[in-house]
Amino acid sequence: MNIKTNHVIQHGEIMLVPLPDAMKVPEGKVAKHKEFIVAHSESGHHHTLKSDTDFEVVMDKLETYLILNREASLVHEKTFDVHPTKTVKPGKYVVIHKTEYSPADEVVRRVQD
């Protein structure tokens, strides 16, 4: 897969990684949204994708994919220490969550906000 890393959108503990135009999004549960929580936060400081027009969210067993036909905004729902809002250009993206190793639990888990 040929990904231009300068087009990856990092927002806190998540990244939106653009998919090449020729790559198909895997089949999965498809829903249309104008607002979608890309990453939930246990403290309520979600990372939310917002648009004036519908975009598709495809969820397969392992990943979440976003298909945007128009620009959207990735917003950090927090009143202090906020990640800047990012503009997400039209295209196909896979959502990647950062992970960390917990020596106490001896597991790899998603980074929590």
N, C-alpha and C. Protein backbone atom coordinates (compact mmCIF):
# COMPACT_ATOMS: atom_id res chain seq x y z
N MET A 1 0.85 -1.17 0.00
CA MET A 1 0.00 0.00 0.00
C MET A 1 0.90 1.24 0.00
N ASN A 2 0.63 2.16 -0.90
CA ASN A 2 1.44 3.37 -1.03
C ASN A 2 0.72 4.52 -0.34
N ILE A 3 1.15 4.86 0.87
CA ILE A 3 0.52 5.92 1.65
C ILE A 3 1.50 7.07 1.78
N LYS A 4 1.02 8.27 1.51
CA LYS A 4 1.84 9.46 1.69
C LYS A 4 1.68 9.91 3.14
N THR A 5 2.73 9.71 3.93
CA THR A 5 2.64 9.97 5.36
C THR A 5 2.38 11.43 5.69
N ASN A 6 2.70 12.34 4.76
CA ASN A 6 2.42 13.74 5.05
C ASN A 6 0.92 14.05 4.96
N HIS A 7 0.12 13.09 4.51
CA HIS A 7 -1.33 13.27 4.43
C HIS A 7 -2.05 12.60 5.60
N VAL A 8 -1.31 11.89 6.45
CA VAL A 8 -1.90 11.26 7.63
C VAL A 8 -2.32 12.36 8.59
N ILE A 9 -3.52 12.23 9.13
CA ILE A 9 -4.03 13.23 10.08
C ILE A 9 -3.95 12.64 11.48
N GLN A 10 -3.09 13.23 12.31
CA GLN A 10 -2.97 12.77 13.69
C GLN A 10 -3.75 13.72 14.59
N HIS A 11 -4.53 13.15 15.49
CA HIS A 11 -5.38 13.94 16.40
C HIS A 11 -5.39 13.21 17.73
N GLY A 12 -4.46 13.61 18.62
CA GLY A 12 -4.37 12.93 19.90
C GLY A 12 -3.94 11.49 19.70
N GLU A 13 -4.71 10.56 20.25
CA GLU A 13 -4.36 9.14 20.20
C GLU A 13 -4.86 8.42 18.96
N ILE A 14 -5.41 9.17 17.99
CA ILE A 14 -5.87 8.53 16.75
C ILE A 14 -5.17 9.13 15.54
N MET A 15 -5.21 8.36 14.45
CA MET A 15 -4.72 8.83 13.17
C MET A 15 -5.73 8.42 12.10
N LEU A 16 -5.97 9.32 11.15
CA LEU A 16 -6.75 8.99 9.96
C LEU A 16 -5.74 8.81 8.84
N VAL A 17 -5.65 7.58 8.34
CA VAL A 17 -4.67 7.25 7.32
C VAL A 17 -5.39 7.15 5.98
N PRO A 18 -5.00 7.99 5.00
CA PRO A 18 -5.68 7.94 3.70
C PRO A 18 -5.37 6.65 2.96
N LEU A 19 -6.38 6.15 2.27
CA LEU A 19 -6.20 4.95 1.46
C LEU A 19 -6.02 5.36 0.01
N PRO A 20 -5.20 4.63 -0.74
CA PRO A 20 -5.04 4.93 -2.17
C PRO A 20 -6.39 4.83 -2.88
N ASP A 21 -6.56 5.65 -3.92
CA ASP A 21 -7.83 5.66 -4.66
C ASP A 21 -8.21 4.28 -5.18
N ALA A 22 -7.22 3.50 -5.60
CA ALA A 22 -7.50 2.19 -6.18
C ALA A 22 -7.89 1.14 -5.13
N MET A 23 -7.64 1.42 -3.86
CA MET A 23 -7.92 0.44 -2.81
C MET A 23 -9.40 0.50 -2.41
N LYS A 24 -10.02 -0.66 -2.35
CA LYS A 24 -11.41 -0.75 -1.94
C LYS A 24 -11.50 -0.85 -0.42
N VAL A 25 -12.53 -0.22 0.12
CA VAL A 25 -12.80 -0.35 1.55
C VAL A 25 -13.43 -1.73 1.77
N PRO A 26 -12.97 -2.48 2.77
CA PRO A 26 -13.57 -3.80 3.02
C PRO A 26 -15.07 -3.70 3.28
N GLU A 27 -15.76 -4.80 3.02
CA GLU A 27 -17.19 -4.82 3.30
C GLU A 27 -17.41 -4.85 4.80
N GLY A 28 -18.48 -4.24 5.22
CA GLY A 28 -18.81 -4.19 6.64
C GLY A 28 -20.11 -3.46 6.84
N LYS A 29 -20.40 -3.14 8.07
CA LYS A 29 -21.61 -2.39 8.41
C LYS A 29 -21.41 -0.94 7.97
N VAL A 30 -22.33 -0.44 7.12
CA VAL A 30 -22.22 0.91 6.57
C VAL A 30 -23.31 1.79 7.17
N ALA A 31 -22.92 3.00 7.57
CA ALA A 31 -23.89 3.97 8.08
C ALA A 31 -23.49 5.35 7.55
N LYS A 32 -24.49 6.21 7.39
CA LYS A 32 -24.23 7.59 6.96
C LYS A 32 -24.38 8.50 8.15
N HIS A 33 -23.46 9.46 8.24
CA HIS A 33 -23.44 10.40 9.37
C HIS A 33 -23.08 11.79 8.89
N LYS A 34 -23.46 12.78 9.66
CA LYS A 34 -22.93 14.14 9.51
C LYS A 34 -22.00 14.43 10.69
N GLU A 35 -22.12 13.59 11.73
CA GLU A 35 -21.27 13.70 12.91
C GLU A 35 -21.04 12.29 13.44
N PHE A 36 -19.77 11.96 13.70
CA PHE A 36 -19.42 10.61 14.15
C PHE A 36 -18.26 10.68 15.13
N ILE A 37 -18.41 10.02 16.26
CA ILE A 37 -17.32 9.96 17.24
C ILE A 37 -16.30 8.93 16.74
N VAL A 38 -15.15 9.43 16.31
CA VAL A 38 -14.10 8.57 15.77
C VAL A 38 -13.37 7.85 16.90
N ALA A 39 -13.18 8.55 18.02
CA ALA A 39 -12.53 7.95 19.19
C ALA A 39 -13.25 8.41 20.45
N HIS A 40 -13.78 7.44 21.17
CA HIS A 40 -14.44 7.73 22.44
C HIS A 40 -13.40 7.99 23.52
N SER A 41 -13.75 8.84 24.45
CA SER A 41 -12.88 9.13 25.58
C SER A 41 -13.62 8.79 26.86
N GLU A 42 -12.92 8.13 27.77
CA GLU A 42 -13.56 7.79 29.04
C GLU A 42 -13.91 9.03 29.85
N SER A 43 -13.28 10.16 29.52
CA SER A 43 -13.57 11.41 30.24
C SER A 43 -14.54 12.31 29.47
N GLY A 44 -15.08 11.82 28.33
CA GLY A 44 -16.04 12.59 27.56
C GLY A 44 -15.43 13.53 26.54
N HIS A 45 -14.11 13.49 26.39
CA HIS A 45 -13.42 14.38 25.46
C HIS A 45 -13.20 13.66 24.13
N HIS A 46 -14.30 13.37 23.46
CA HIS A 46 -14.27 12.58 22.23
C HIS A 46 -13.59 13.32 21.08
N HIS A 47 -13.15 12.55 20.10
CA HIS A 47 -12.65 13.08 18.83
C HIS A 47 -13.77 12.83 17.82
N THR A 48 -14.38 13.90 17.34
CA THR A 48 -15.59 13.80 16.54
C THR A 48 -15.36 14.37 15.14
N LEU A 49 -15.78 13.61 14.13
CA LEU A 49 -15.74 14.07 12.75
C LEU A 49 -17.08 14.71 12.42
N LYS A 50 -17.05 15.96 11.91
CA LYS A 50 -18.28 16.71 11.63
C LYS A 50 -18.24 17.23 10.20
N SER A 51 -19.41 17.17 9.55
CA SER A 51 -19.52 17.64 8.17
C SER A 51 -20.91 18.24 7.94
N ASP A 52 -21.01 19.11 6.94
CA ASP A 52 -22.31 19.66 6.55
C ASP A 52 -23.10 18.67 5.72
N THR A 53 -22.41 17.68 5.14
CA THR A 53 -23.06 16.68 4.31
C THR A 53 -22.76 15.28 4.86
N ASP A 54 -23.59 14.33 4.49
CA ASP A 54 -23.39 12.95 4.95
C ASP A 54 -22.07 12.38 4.44
N PHE A 55 -21.43 11.57 5.28
CA PHE A 55 -20.28 10.78 4.88
C PHE A 55 -20.54 9.36 5.37
N GLU A 56 -19.83 8.41 4.79
CA GLU A 56 -20.03 7.00 5.14
C GLU A 56 -19.01 6.55 6.17
N VAL A 57 -19.50 5.74 7.10
CA VAL A 57 -18.65 5.06 8.08
C VAL A 57 -18.85 3.57 7.85
N VAL A 58 -17.76 2.87 7.59
CA VAL A 58 -17.80 1.44 7.35
C VAL A 58 -17.04 0.76 8.47
N MET A 59 -17.70 -0.14 9.17
CA MET A 59 -17.06 -0.86 10.27
C MET A 59 -17.03 -2.34 9.92
N ASP A 60 -15.81 -2.88 9.82
CA ASP A 60 -15.69 -4.32 9.67
C ASP A 60 -15.31 -4.89 11.03
N LYS A 61 -14.86 -6.10 11.08
CA LYS A 61 -14.58 -6.74 12.38
C LYS A 61 -13.43 -6.08 13.13
N LEU A 62 -12.48 -5.49 12.41
CA LEU A 62 -11.28 -4.96 13.06
C LEU A 62 -11.10 -3.45 12.96
N GLU A 63 -11.58 -2.85 11.90
CA GLU A 63 -11.26 -1.45 11.63
C GLU A 63 -12.50 -0.62 11.36
N THR A 64 -12.30 0.70 11.42
CA THR A 64 -13.31 1.67 11.02
C THR A 64 -12.76 2.46 9.84
N TYR A 65 -13.57 2.59 8.79
CA TYR A 65 -13.19 3.32 7.60
C TYR A 65 -14.14 4.50 7.41
N LEU A 66 -13.62 5.59 6.87
CA LEU A 66 -14.41 6.78 6.61
C LEU A 66 -14.33 7.10 5.13
N ILE A 67 -15.48 7.40 4.50
CA ILE A 67 -15.52 7.77 3.10
C ILE A 67 -16.18 9.14 3.02
N LEU A 68 -15.38 10.14 2.66
CA LEU A 68 -15.86 11.52 2.61
C LEU A 68 -15.90 12.02 1.17
N ASN A 69 -17.02 12.62 0.80
CA ASN A 69 -17.15 13.24 -0.52
C ASN A 69 -16.86 14.73 -0.46
N ARG A 70 -16.92 15.31 0.73
CA ARG A 70 -16.65 16.73 0.95
C ARG A 70 -15.76 16.87 2.19
N GLU A 71 -15.17 18.05 2.37
CA GLU A 71 -14.33 18.29 3.54
C GLU A 71 -15.15 18.13 4.82
N ALA A 72 -14.45 17.71 5.88
CA ALA A 72 -15.05 17.58 7.21
C ALA A 72 -14.05 18.14 8.22
N SER A 73 -14.50 18.27 9.45
CA SER A 73 -13.63 18.77 10.53
C SER A 73 -13.52 17.71 11.60
N LEU A 74 -12.29 17.48 12.07
CA LEU A 74 -12.05 16.56 13.18
C LEU A 74 -11.85 17.42 14.42
N VAL A 75 -12.80 17.33 15.36
CA VAL A 75 -12.89 18.23 16.50
C VAL A 75 -12.63 17.47 17.79
N HIS A 76 -11.90 18.08 18.70
CA HIS A 76 -11.68 17.52 20.04
C HIS A 76 -12.70 18.15 20.97
N GLU A 77 -13.61 17.33 21.50
CA GLU A 77 -14.70 17.81 22.33
C GLU A 77 -14.21 18.04 23.77
N LYS A 78 -13.47 19.12 23.94
CA LYS A 78 -12.87 19.42 25.23
C LYS A 78 -12.79 20.93 25.38
N THR A 79 -12.85 21.45 26.60
CA THR A 79 -12.82 22.90 26.79
C THR A 79 -11.44 23.41 27.19
N PHE A 80 -10.50 22.53 27.49
CA PHE A 80 -9.14 22.94 27.85
C PHE A 80 -8.16 21.94 27.25
N ASP A 81 -6.92 22.35 27.07
CA ASP A 81 -5.88 21.46 26.56
C ASP A 81 -6.38 20.70 25.32
N VAL A 82 -6.93 21.46 24.39
CA VAL A 82 -7.62 20.89 23.22
C VAL A 82 -6.64 20.63 22.09
N HIS A 83 -6.82 19.49 21.39
CA HIS A 83 -6.09 19.26 20.14
C HIS A 83 -6.72 20.19 19.10
N PRO A 84 -5.93 20.85 18.28
CA PRO A 84 -6.52 21.75 17.28
C PRO A 84 -7.45 21.00 16.33
N THR A 85 -8.50 21.67 15.89
CA THR A 85 -9.40 21.10 14.89
C THR A 85 -8.63 20.92 13.59
N LYS A 86 -8.83 19.77 12.95
CA LYS A 86 -8.14 19.46 11.70
C LYS A 86 -9.16 19.36 10.57
N THR A 87 -8.78 19.84 9.41
CA THR A 87 -9.61 19.69 8.22
C THR A 87 -9.28 18.36 7.56
N VAL A 88 -10.31 17.58 7.26
CA VAL A 88 -10.13 16.28 6.61
C VAL A 88 -10.66 16.42 5.18
N LYS A 89 -9.79 16.20 4.22
CA LYS A 89 -10.16 16.36 2.81
C LYS A 89 -10.96 15.16 2.33
N PRO A 90 -11.71 15.33 1.24
CA PRO A 90 -12.46 14.19 0.68
C PRO A 90 -11.52 13.03 0.39
N GLY A 91 -12.02 11.82 0.62
CA GLY A 91 -11.24 10.62 0.36
C GLY A 91 -11.67 9.48 1.26
N LYS A 92 -10.87 8.41 1.22
CA LYS A 92 -11.12 7.23 2.03
C LYS A 92 -10.03 7.13 3.09
N TYR A 93 -10.42 6.84 4.32
CA TYR A 93 -9.47 6.78 5.43
C TYR A 93 -9.74 5.55 6.28
N VAL A 94 -8.68 5.02 6.89
CA VAL A 94 -8.81 4.02 7.94
C VAL A 94 -8.42 4.71 9.24
N VAL A 95 -9.16 4.41 10.30
CA VAL A 95 -8.90 5.00 11.61
C VAL A 95 -7.94 4.07 12.36
N ILE A 96 -6.82 4.63 12.82
CA ILE A 96 -5.82 3.87 13.57
C ILE A 96 -5.76 4.44 14.99
N HIS A 97 -5.85 3.58 15.97
CA HIS A 97 -5.74 3.99 17.38
C HIS A 97 -4.35 3.63 17.88
N LYS A 98 -3.69 4.58 18.53
CA LYS A 98 -2.38 4.30 19.12
C LYS A 98 -2.55 3.24 20.20
N THR A 99 -1.50 2.44 20.38
CA THR A 99 -1.53 1.40 21.41
C THR A 99 -0.34 1.59 22.35
N GLU A 100 -0.45 0.95 23.49
CA GLU A 100 0.64 0.99 24.48
C GLU A 100 0.70 -0.37 25.17
N TYR A 101 1.87 -0.69 25.69
CA TYR A 101 2.03 -1.92 26.44
C TYR A 101 1.89 -1.63 27.93
N SER A 102 1.09 -2.44 28.62
CA SER A 102 0.92 -2.30 30.06
C SER A 102 1.68 -3.44 30.75
N PRO A 103 2.83 -3.15 31.36
CA PRO A 103 3.59 -4.21 32.02
C PRO A 103 2.83 -4.82 33.20
N ALA A 104 2.00 -4.02 33.88
CA ALA A 104 1.24 -4.54 35.02
C ALA A 104 0.24 -5.60 34.57
N ASP A 105 -0.42 -5.35 33.42
CA ASP A 105 -1.42 -6.29 32.91
C ASP A 105 -0.85 -7.24 31.87
N GLU A 106 0.38 -6.95 31.40
CA GLU A 106 1.05 -7.74 30.36
C GLU A 106 0.19 -7.84 29.09
N VAL A 107 -0.38 -6.70 28.68
CA VAL A 107 -1.19 -6.65 27.47
C VAL A 107 -0.88 -5.38 26.69
N VAL A 108 -1.18 -5.43 25.41
CA VAL A 108 -1.14 -4.25 24.56
C VAL A 108 -2.59 -3.75 24.48
N ARG A 109 -2.77 -2.45 24.70
CA ARG A 109 -4.12 -1.89 24.70
C ARG A 109 -4.10 -0.53 24.01
N ARG A 110 -5.30 -0.05 23.66
CA ARG A 110 -5.42 1.27 23.06
C ARG A 110 -5.06 2.34 24.08
N VAL A 111 -4.39 3.38 23.61
CA VAL A 111 -4.10 4.54 24.46
C VAL A 111 -5.42 5.20 24.78
N GLN A 112 -5.60 5.56 26.06
CA GLN A 112 -6.84 6.20 26.47
C GLN A 112 -6.61 7.67 26.72
N ASP A 113 -7.63 8.47 26.39
CA ASP A 113 -7.56 9.93 26.51
C ASP A 113 -8.11 10.32 27.86
